[in-house]
Amino acid sequence: MKYITDINQLDLNRRYTYGDYLTWRFKERVELIMGKIFKMTPAPSRLHQETVGKLHLAIGNILKNSNCNIYLAPFDVRLREDDTVVQPDICIVCDESKLDRKGCNGAPDLIIEIISPSTASKDLREKYYLYEMARVKEYWTVHPAEGFVYIYVLNKNGVYEPYRPYTVHEKVISNSIPGLEIELNEIFPSLLKEPVDPYEGKRL
């Protein structure tokens, strides 16, 4: 097998297969969506990483006695065997038959993406439709700068139904994972702080 060690060896305008993906050994992280390469650089921001860490800890504590597994990126999720592999920020898989040594082969029960300016278009468009088409039961988009979470739940017709946004003062409840409830003030604590008047040193 011939390995590709420099991303510049690839033509980003052509379409690739999962077989091609397995030969890539360059340092850049990429996702393959219906054969098209999407770069995952630049590196995530501190806010992004703090949010991922808090969600992982909160969800992990809830799921520790369940049959569901939680995974953080980089973790390959193959949604179309021939041409699509993504690395969601967080995914939960409750069907162990979908797990193998390469990652997850099939749709996780829940996927969470942390939205940042550099990833918003892909997460809210390409990935939204991809996850819907792949029948991911539930998709959360987390907006840490604004302090809210959108939940999309797959209905019986295979179409996502959006719920209203959950804000920092509320509890977000999963529709697909029993018992998964998270107080958002634990995820976005900095948004609860009252501003300080720099001249008076008093709370505004």
C-alpha atoms as a PDB file:
ATOM      1  CA  MET A   1       0.000   0.000   0.000  1.00  0.00           C
ATOM      2  CA  LYS A   2       1.349   3.417  -0.966  1.00  0.00           C
ATOM      3  CA  TYR A   3       0.938   6.012   1.776  1.00  0.00           C
ATOM      4  CA  ILE A   4       0.361   9.730   1.226  1.00  0.00           C
ATOM      5  CA  THR A   5       2.552  11.705   3.646  1.00  0.00           C
ATOM      6  CA  ASP A   6       1.886  15.263   2.419  1.00  0.00           C
ATOM      7  CA  ILE A   7      -1.609  16.685   1.932  1.00  0.00           C
ATOM      8  CA  ASN A   8      -0.274  18.691  -1.009  1.00  0.00           C
ATOM      9  CA  GLN A   9      -0.023  15.415  -2.903  1.00  0.00           C
ATOM     10  CA  LEU A  10      -3.833  15.373  -3.031  1.00  0.00           C
ATOM     11  CA  ASP A  11      -6.108  17.171  -5.450  1.00  0.00           C
ATOM     12  CA  LEU A  12      -8.688  18.797  -3.162  1.00  0.00           C
ATOM     13  CA  ASN A  13     -11.066  19.230  -6.084  1.00  0.00           C
ATOM     14  CA  ARG A  14     -11.472  15.521  -6.814  1.00  0.00           C
ATOM     15  CA  ARG A  15     -13.419  12.941  -4.863  1.00  0.00           C
ATOM     16  CA  TYR A  16     -11.834  10.196  -2.778  1.00  0.00           C
ATOM     17  CA  THR A  17     -12.889   6.924  -1.199  1.00  0.00           C
ATOM     18  CA  TYR A  18     -12.549   5.531   2.306  1.00  0.00           C
ATOM     19  CA  GLY A  19      -9.847   3.270   0.886  1.00  0.00           C
ATOM     20  CA  ASP A  20      -7.909   6.394  -0.113  1.00  0.00           C
ATOM     21  CA  TYR A  21      -8.472   7.851   3.369  1.00  0.00           C
ATOM     22  CA  LEU A  22      -6.746   4.858   4.949  1.00  0.00           C
ATOM     23  CA  THR A  23      -3.546   5.653   3.027  1.00  0.00           C
ATOM     24  CA  TRP A  24      -3.230   9.218   4.316  1.00  0.00           C
ATOM     25  CA  ARG A  25      -0.410   9.706   6.811  1.00  0.00           C
ATOM     26  CA  PHE A  26      -0.026  13.497   6.846  1.00  0.00           C
ATOM     27  CA  LYS A  27      -0.257  15.566  10.038  1.00  0.00           C
ATOM     28  CA  GLU A  28      -3.347  17.562   9.048  1.00  0.00           C
ATOM     29  CA  ARG A  29      -6.704  16.214  10.233  1.00  0.00           C
ATOM     30  CA  VAL A  30      -9.380  15.938   7.574  1.00  0.00           C
ATOM     31  CA  GLU A  31     -12.885  14.570   7.162  1.00  0.00           C
ATOM     32  CA  LEU A  32     -14.241  12.898   4.052  1.00  0.00           C
ATOM     33  CA  ILE A  33     -17.873  13.767   3.258  1.00  0.00           C
ATOM     34  CA  MET A  34     -19.321  12.051   0.205  1.00  0.00           C
ATOM     35  CA  GLY A  35     -15.851  11.870  -1.273  1.00  0.00           C
ATOM     36  CA  LYS A  36     -14.952  15.515  -0.666  1.00  0.00           C
ATOM     37  CA  ILE A  37     -12.085  16.477   1.643  1.00  0.00           C
ATOM     38  CA  PHE A  38     -12.782  18.958   4.453  1.00  0.00           C
ATOM     39  CA  LYS A  39      -9.787  20.229   6.411  1.00  0.00           C
ATOM     40  CA  MET A  40     -10.127  20.407  10.202  1.00  0.00           C
ATOM     41  CA  THR A  41      -7.448  23.039  10.762  1.00  0.00           C
ATOM     42  CA  PRO A  42      -6.807  25.468  12.398  1.00  0.00           C
ATOM     43  CA  ALA A  43      -6.558  23.889  15.833  1.00  0.00           C
ATOM     44  CA  PRO A  44      -9.658  24.330  18.034  1.00  0.00           C
ATOM     45  CA  SER A  45      -9.816  27.403  20.267  1.00  0.00           C
ATOM     46  CA  ARG A  46      -9.486  27.292  24.046  1.00  0.00           C
ATOM     47  CA  LEU A  47     -13.233  27.949  24.413  1.00  0.00           C
ATOM     48  CA  HIS A  48     -13.976  25.041  22.088  1.00  0.00           C
ATOM     49  CA  GLN A  49     -11.739  22.687  24.064  1.00  0.00           C
ATOM     50  CA  GLU A  50     -13.075  23.806  27.445  1.00  0.00           C
ATOM     51  CA  THR A  51     -16.636  23.187  26.257  1.00  0.00           C
ATOM     52  CA  VAL A  52     -15.772  19.744  24.869  1.00  0.00           C
ATOM     53  CA  GLY A  53     -14.068  18.821  28.142  1.00  0.00           C
ATOM     54  CA  LYS A  54     -16.991  19.888  30.332  1.00  0.00           C
ATOM     55  CA  LEU A  55     -19.529  18.089  28.150  1.00  0.00           C
ATOM     56  CA  HIS A  56     -17.436  14.930  28.050  1.00  0.00           C
ATOM     57  CA  LEU A  57     -17.083  14.889  31.825  1.00  0.00           C
ATOM     58  CA  ALA A  58     -20.788  15.568  32.442  1.00  0.00           C
ATOM     59  CA  ILE A  59     -21.999  13.001  29.906  1.00  0.00           C
ATOM     60  CA  GLY A  60     -19.423  10.416  30.938  1.00  0.00           C
ATOM     61  CA  ASN A  61     -20.599  10.557  34.550  1.00  0.00           C
ATOM     62  CA  ILE A  62     -24.207  10.029  33.462  1.00  0.00           C
ATOM     63  CA  LEU A  63     -23.402   7.127  31.117  1.00  0.00           C
ATOM     64  CA  LYS A  64     -20.894   5.278  33.293  1.00  0.00           C
ATOM     65  CA  ASN A  65     -23.408   2.586  34.281  1.00  0.00           C
ATOM     66  CA  SER A  66     -25.153   2.372  30.903  1.00  0.00           C
ATOM     67  CA  ASN A  67     -24.432   0.361  27.779  1.00  0.00           C
ATOM     68  CA  CYS A  68     -23.581   3.532  25.851  1.00  0.00           C
ATOM     69  CA  ASN A  69     -20.045   4.656  25.027  1.00  0.00           C
ATOM     70  CA  ILE A  70     -18.879   8.245  24.568  1.00  0.00           C
ATOM     71  CA  TYR A  71     -16.028   9.175  22.213  1.00  0.00           C
ATOM     72  CA  LEU A  72     -14.094  12.382  21.563  1.00  0.00           C
ATOM     73  CA  ALA A  73     -12.454  13.461  18.317  1.00  0.00           C
ATOM     74  CA  PRO A  74     -10.278  12.253  16.760  1.00  0.00           C
ATOM     75  CA  PHE A  75     -12.503   9.174  16.421  1.00  0.00           C
ATOM     76  CA  ASP A  76     -13.508   7.929  12.993  1.00  0.00           C
ATOM     77  CA  VAL A  77     -17.211   7.523  12.271  1.00  0.00           C
ATOM     78  CA  ARG A  78     -17.927   5.869   8.912  1.00  0.00           C
ATOM     79  CA  LEU A  79     -21.357   6.956   7.769  1.00  0.00           C
ATOM     80  CA  ARG A  80     -21.030   5.734   4.178  1.00  0.00           C
ATOM     81  CA  GLU A  81     -18.600   2.844   3.841  1.00  0.00           C
ATOM     82  CA  ASP A  82     -17.258   3.919   0.467  1.00  0.00           C
ATOM     83  CA  ASP A  83     -16.727   7.676   0.753  1.00  0.00           C
ATOM     84  CA  THR A  84     -17.627   9.259   4.101  1.00  0.00           C
ATOM     85  CA  VAL A  85     -15.751   9.327   7.406  1.00  0.00           C
ATOM     86  CA  VAL A  86     -16.126  12.134   9.948  1.00  0.00           C
ATOM     87  CA  GLN A  87     -14.710  12.978  13.352  1.00  0.00           C
ATOM     88  CA  PRO A  88     -17.464  14.576  15.472  1.00  0.00           C
ATOM     89  CA  ASP A  89     -16.399  16.523  18.546  1.00  0.00           C
ATOM     90  CA  ILE A  90     -18.420  14.083  20.683  1.00  0.00           C
ATOM     91  CA  CYS A  91     -20.459  11.033  19.755  1.00  0.00           C
ATOM     92  CA  ILE A  92     -22.397   8.473  21.770  1.00  0.00           C
ATOM     93  CA  VAL A  93     -22.793   4.899  20.536  1.00  0.00           C
ATOM     94  CA  CYS A  94     -25.142   2.519  22.338  1.00  0.00           C
ATOM     95  CA  ASP A  95     -24.982  -0.357  19.834  1.00  0.00           C
ATOM     96  CA  GLU A  96     -21.645  -2.110  20.361  1.00  0.00           C
ATOM     97  CA  SER A  97     -22.027  -4.040  17.102  1.00  0.00           C
ATOM     98  CA  LYS A  98     -21.184  -0.776  15.317  1.00  0.00           C
ATOM     99  CA  LEU A  99     -17.810  -0.498  17.049  1.00  0.00           C
ATOM    100  CA  ASP A 100     -14.601  -1.995  15.671  1.00  0.00           C
ATOM    101  CA  ARG A 101     -10.887  -1.310  15.898  1.00  0.00           C
ATOM    102  CA  LYS A 102     -11.181   1.528  13.356  1.00  0.00           C
ATOM    103  CA  GLY A 103     -13.954   3.400  15.174  1.00  0.00           C
ATOM    104  CA  CYS A 104     -17.691   3.401  14.525  1.00  0.00           C
ATOM    105  CA  ASN A 105     -19.196   1.838  11.416  1.00  0.00           C
ATOM    106  CA  GLY A 106     -22.680   3.324  11.146  1.00  0.00           C
ATOM    107  CA  ALA A 107     -24.715   6.062  12.770  1.00  0.00           C
ATOM    108  CA  PRO A 108     -24.063   6.935  16.434  1.00  0.00           C
ATOM    109  CA  ASP A 109     -27.135   7.502  18.606  1.00  0.00           C
ATOM    110  CA  LEU A 110     -26.140  11.098  19.311  1.00  0.00           C
ATOM    111  CA  ILE A 111     -23.576  13.460  17.806  1.00  0.00           C
ATOM    112  CA  ILE A 112     -22.461  16.777  19.305  1.00  0.00           C
ATOM    113  CA  GLU A 113     -20.554  19.437  17.393  1.00  0.00           C
ATOM    114  CA  ILE A 114     -19.107  22.536  19.067  1.00  0.00           C
ATOM    115  CA  ILE A 115     -19.737  25.472  16.729  1.00  0.00           C
ATOM    116  CA  SER A 116     -16.934  27.923  16.028  1.00  0.00           C
ATOM    117  CA  PRO A 117     -16.522  30.495  13.223  1.00  0.00           C
ATOM    118  CA  SER A 118     -14.160  28.229  11.269  1.00  0.00           C
ATOM    119  CA  THR A 119     -16.486  25.202  11.364  1.00  0.00           C
ATOM    120  CA  ALA A 120     -19.972  26.742  11.437  1.00  0.00           C
ATOM    121  CA  SER A 121     -20.721  26.372   7.731  1.00  0.00           C
ATOM    122  CA  LYS A 122     -19.710  22.709   7.619  1.00  0.00           C
ATOM    123  CA  ASP A 123     -21.396  21.781  10.922  1.00  0.00           C
ATOM    124  CA  LEU A 124     -24.665  23.574  10.172  1.00  0.00           C
ATOM    125  CA  ARG A 125     -24.941  22.592   6.517  1.00  0.00           C
ATOM    126  CA  GLU A 126     -22.932  19.636   5.204  1.00  0.00           C
ATOM    127  CA  LYS A 127     -22.879  17.733   8.476  1.00  0.00           C
ATOM    128  CA  TYR A 128     -26.502  18.531   9.318  1.00  0.00           C
ATOM    129  CA  TYR A 129     -27.707  16.945   6.079  1.00  0.00           C
ATOM    130  CA  LEU A 130     -25.170  14.133   6.306  1.00  0.00           C
ATOM    131  CA  TYR A 131     -26.244  13.155   9.829  1.00  0.00           C
ATOM    132  CA  GLU A 132     -29.894  13.374   8.837  1.00  0.00           C
ATOM    133  CA  MET A 133     -29.333  11.181   5.773  1.00  0.00           C
ATOM    134  CA  ALA A 134     -27.297   8.680   7.810  1.00  0.00           C
ATOM    135  CA  ARG A 135     -30.152   8.532  10.362  1.00  0.00           C
ATOM    136  CA  VAL A 136     -28.216   9.761  13.383  1.00  0.00           C
ATOM    137  CA  LYS A 137     -31.064   9.838  15.914  1.00  0.00           C
ATOM    138  CA  GLU A 138     -30.088  13.118  17.541  1.00  0.00           C
ATOM    139  CA  TYR A 139     -27.735  15.980  16.686  1.00  0.00           C
ATOM    140  CA  TRP A 140     -26.703  18.769  19.066  1.00  0.00           C
ATOM    141  CA  THR A 141     -24.989  21.954  17.945  1.00  0.00           C
ATOM    142  CA  VAL A 142     -23.371  23.735  20.882  1.00  0.00           C
ATOM    143  CA  HIS A 143     -22.658  27.468  20.600  1.00  0.00           C
ATOM    144  CA  PRO A 144     -20.296  28.296  23.496  1.00  0.00           C
ATOM    145  CA  ALA A 145     -19.734  31.965  22.687  1.00  0.00           C
ATOM    146  CA  GLU A 146     -23.482  32.653  22.819  1.00  0.00           C
ATOM    147  CA  GLY A 147     -24.315  30.077  25.491  1.00  0.00           C
ATOM    148  CA  PHE A 148     -27.007  27.977  23.822  1.00  0.00           C
ATOM    149  CA  VAL A 149     -27.598  24.506  22.388  1.00  0.00           C
ATOM    150  CA  TYR A 150     -29.791  23.444  19.466  1.00  0.00           C
ATOM    151  CA  ILE A 151     -31.188  19.903  19.394  1.00  0.00           C
ATOM    152  CA  TYR A 152     -32.333  18.167  16.220  1.00  0.00           C
ATOM    153  CA  VAL A 153     -34.241  14.890  16.593  1.00  0.00           C
ATOM    154  CA  LEU A 154     -34.920  12.487  13.736  1.00  0.00           C
ATOM    155  CA  ASN A 155     -38.648  11.931  13.258  1.00  0.00           C
ATOM    156  CA  LYS A 156     -40.369   8.813  11.899  1.00  0.00           C
ATOM    157  CA  ASN A 157     -39.974  10.148   8.354  1.00  0.00           C
ATOM    158  CA  GLY A 158     -36.203  10.410   8.723  1.00  0.00           C
ATOM    159  CA  VAL A 159     -36.203  14.213   8.899  1.00  0.00           C
ATOM    160  CA  TYR A 160     -34.689  16.332  11.664  1.00  0.00           C
ATOM    161  CA  GLU A 161     -37.127  18.332  13.755  1.00  0.00           C
ATOM    162  CA  PRO A 162     -35.464  21.322  15.457  1.00  0.00           C
ATOM    163  CA  TYR A 163     -36.243  22.143  19.060  1.00  0.00           C
ATOM    164  CA  ARG A 164     -36.027  25.702  20.375  1.00  0.00           C
ATOM    165  CA  PRO A 165     -32.551  26.690  21.603  1.00  0.00           C
ATOM    166  CA  TYR A 166     -31.695  25.815  25.204  1.00  0.00           C
ATOM    167  CA  THR A 167     -29.908  28.637  27.037  1.00  0.00           C
ATOM    168  CA  VAL A 168     -27.383  28.863  29.836  1.00  0.00           C
ATOM    169  CA  HIS A 169     -30.066  28.974  32.546  1.00  0.00           C
ATOM    170  CA  GLU A 170     -31.762  25.750  31.413  1.00  0.00           C
ATOM    171  CA  LYS A 171     -31.327  22.000  31.450  1.00  0.00           C
ATOM    172  CA  VAL A 172     -30.802  20.258  28.121  1.00  0.00           C
ATOM    173  CA  ILE A 173     -32.456  16.832  27.905  1.00  0.00           C
ATOM    174  CA  SER A 174     -31.674  14.188  25.300  1.00  0.00           C
ATOM    175  CA  ASN A 175     -34.572  12.664  23.425  1.00  0.00           C
ATOM    176  CA  SER A 176     -32.597   9.543  22.464  1.00  0.00           C
ATOM    177  CA  ILE A 177     -30.400   8.697  25.464  1.00  0.00           C
ATOM    178  CA  PRO A 178     -32.457   7.924  28.615  1.00  0.00           C
ATOM    179  CA  GLY A 179     -31.301   9.871  31.657  1.00  0.00           C
ATOM    180  CA  LEU A 180     -29.032  12.245  29.732  1.00  0.00           C
ATOM    181  CA  GLU A 181     -29.776  15.652  31.245  1.00  0.00           C
ATOM    182  CA  ILE A 182     -27.226  18.454  31.570  1.00  0.00           C
ATOM    183  CA  GLU A 183     -27.451  21.766  33.389  1.00  0.00           C
ATOM    184  CA  LEU A 184     -26.027  24.270  30.935  1.00  0.00           C
ATOM    185  CA  ASN A 185     -24.821  26.576  33.704  1.00  0.00           C
ATOM    186  CA  GLU A 186     -22.207  23.852  34.343  1.00  0.00           C
ATOM    187  CA  ILE A 187     -21.092  23.972  30.712  1.00  0.00           C
ATOM    188  CA  PHE A 188     -21.147  27.754  30.201  1.00  0.00           C
ATOM    189  CA  PRO A 189     -20.304  29.099  33.692  1.00  0.00           C
ATOM    190  CA  SER A 190     -18.442  32.189  32.457  1.00  0.00           C
ATOM    191  CA  LEU A 191     -21.662  33.539  30.919  1.00  0.00           C
ATOM    192  CA  LEU A 192     -23.260  33.693  34.365  1.00  0.00           C
ATOM    193  CA  LYS A 193     -20.692  36.087  35.787  1.00  0.00           C
ATOM    194  CA  GLU A 194     -21.901  39.610  36.373  1.00  0.00           C
ATOM    195  CA  PRO A 195     -19.735  42.337  34.770  1.00  0.00           C
ATOM    196  CA  VAL A 196     -17.534  44.401  37.065  1.00  0.00           C
ATOM    197  CA  ASP A 197     -17.297  48.187  36.816  1.00  0.00           C
ATOM    198  CA  PRO A 198     -13.519  48.738  36.333  1.00  0.00           C
ATOM    199  CA  TYR A 199     -13.670  52.168  37.997  1.00  0.00           C
ATOM    200  CA  GLU A 200     -15.758  51.288  41.050  1.00  0.00           C
ATOM    201  CA  GLY A 201     -14.728  47.667  41.503  1.00  0.00           C
ATOM    202  CA  LYS A 202     -18.395  46.889  42.066  1.00  0.00           C
ATOM    203  CA  ARG A 203     -20.837  44.531  40.397  1.00  0.00           C
ATOM    204  CA  LEU A 204     -22.950  46.231  37.754  1.00  0.00           C
END
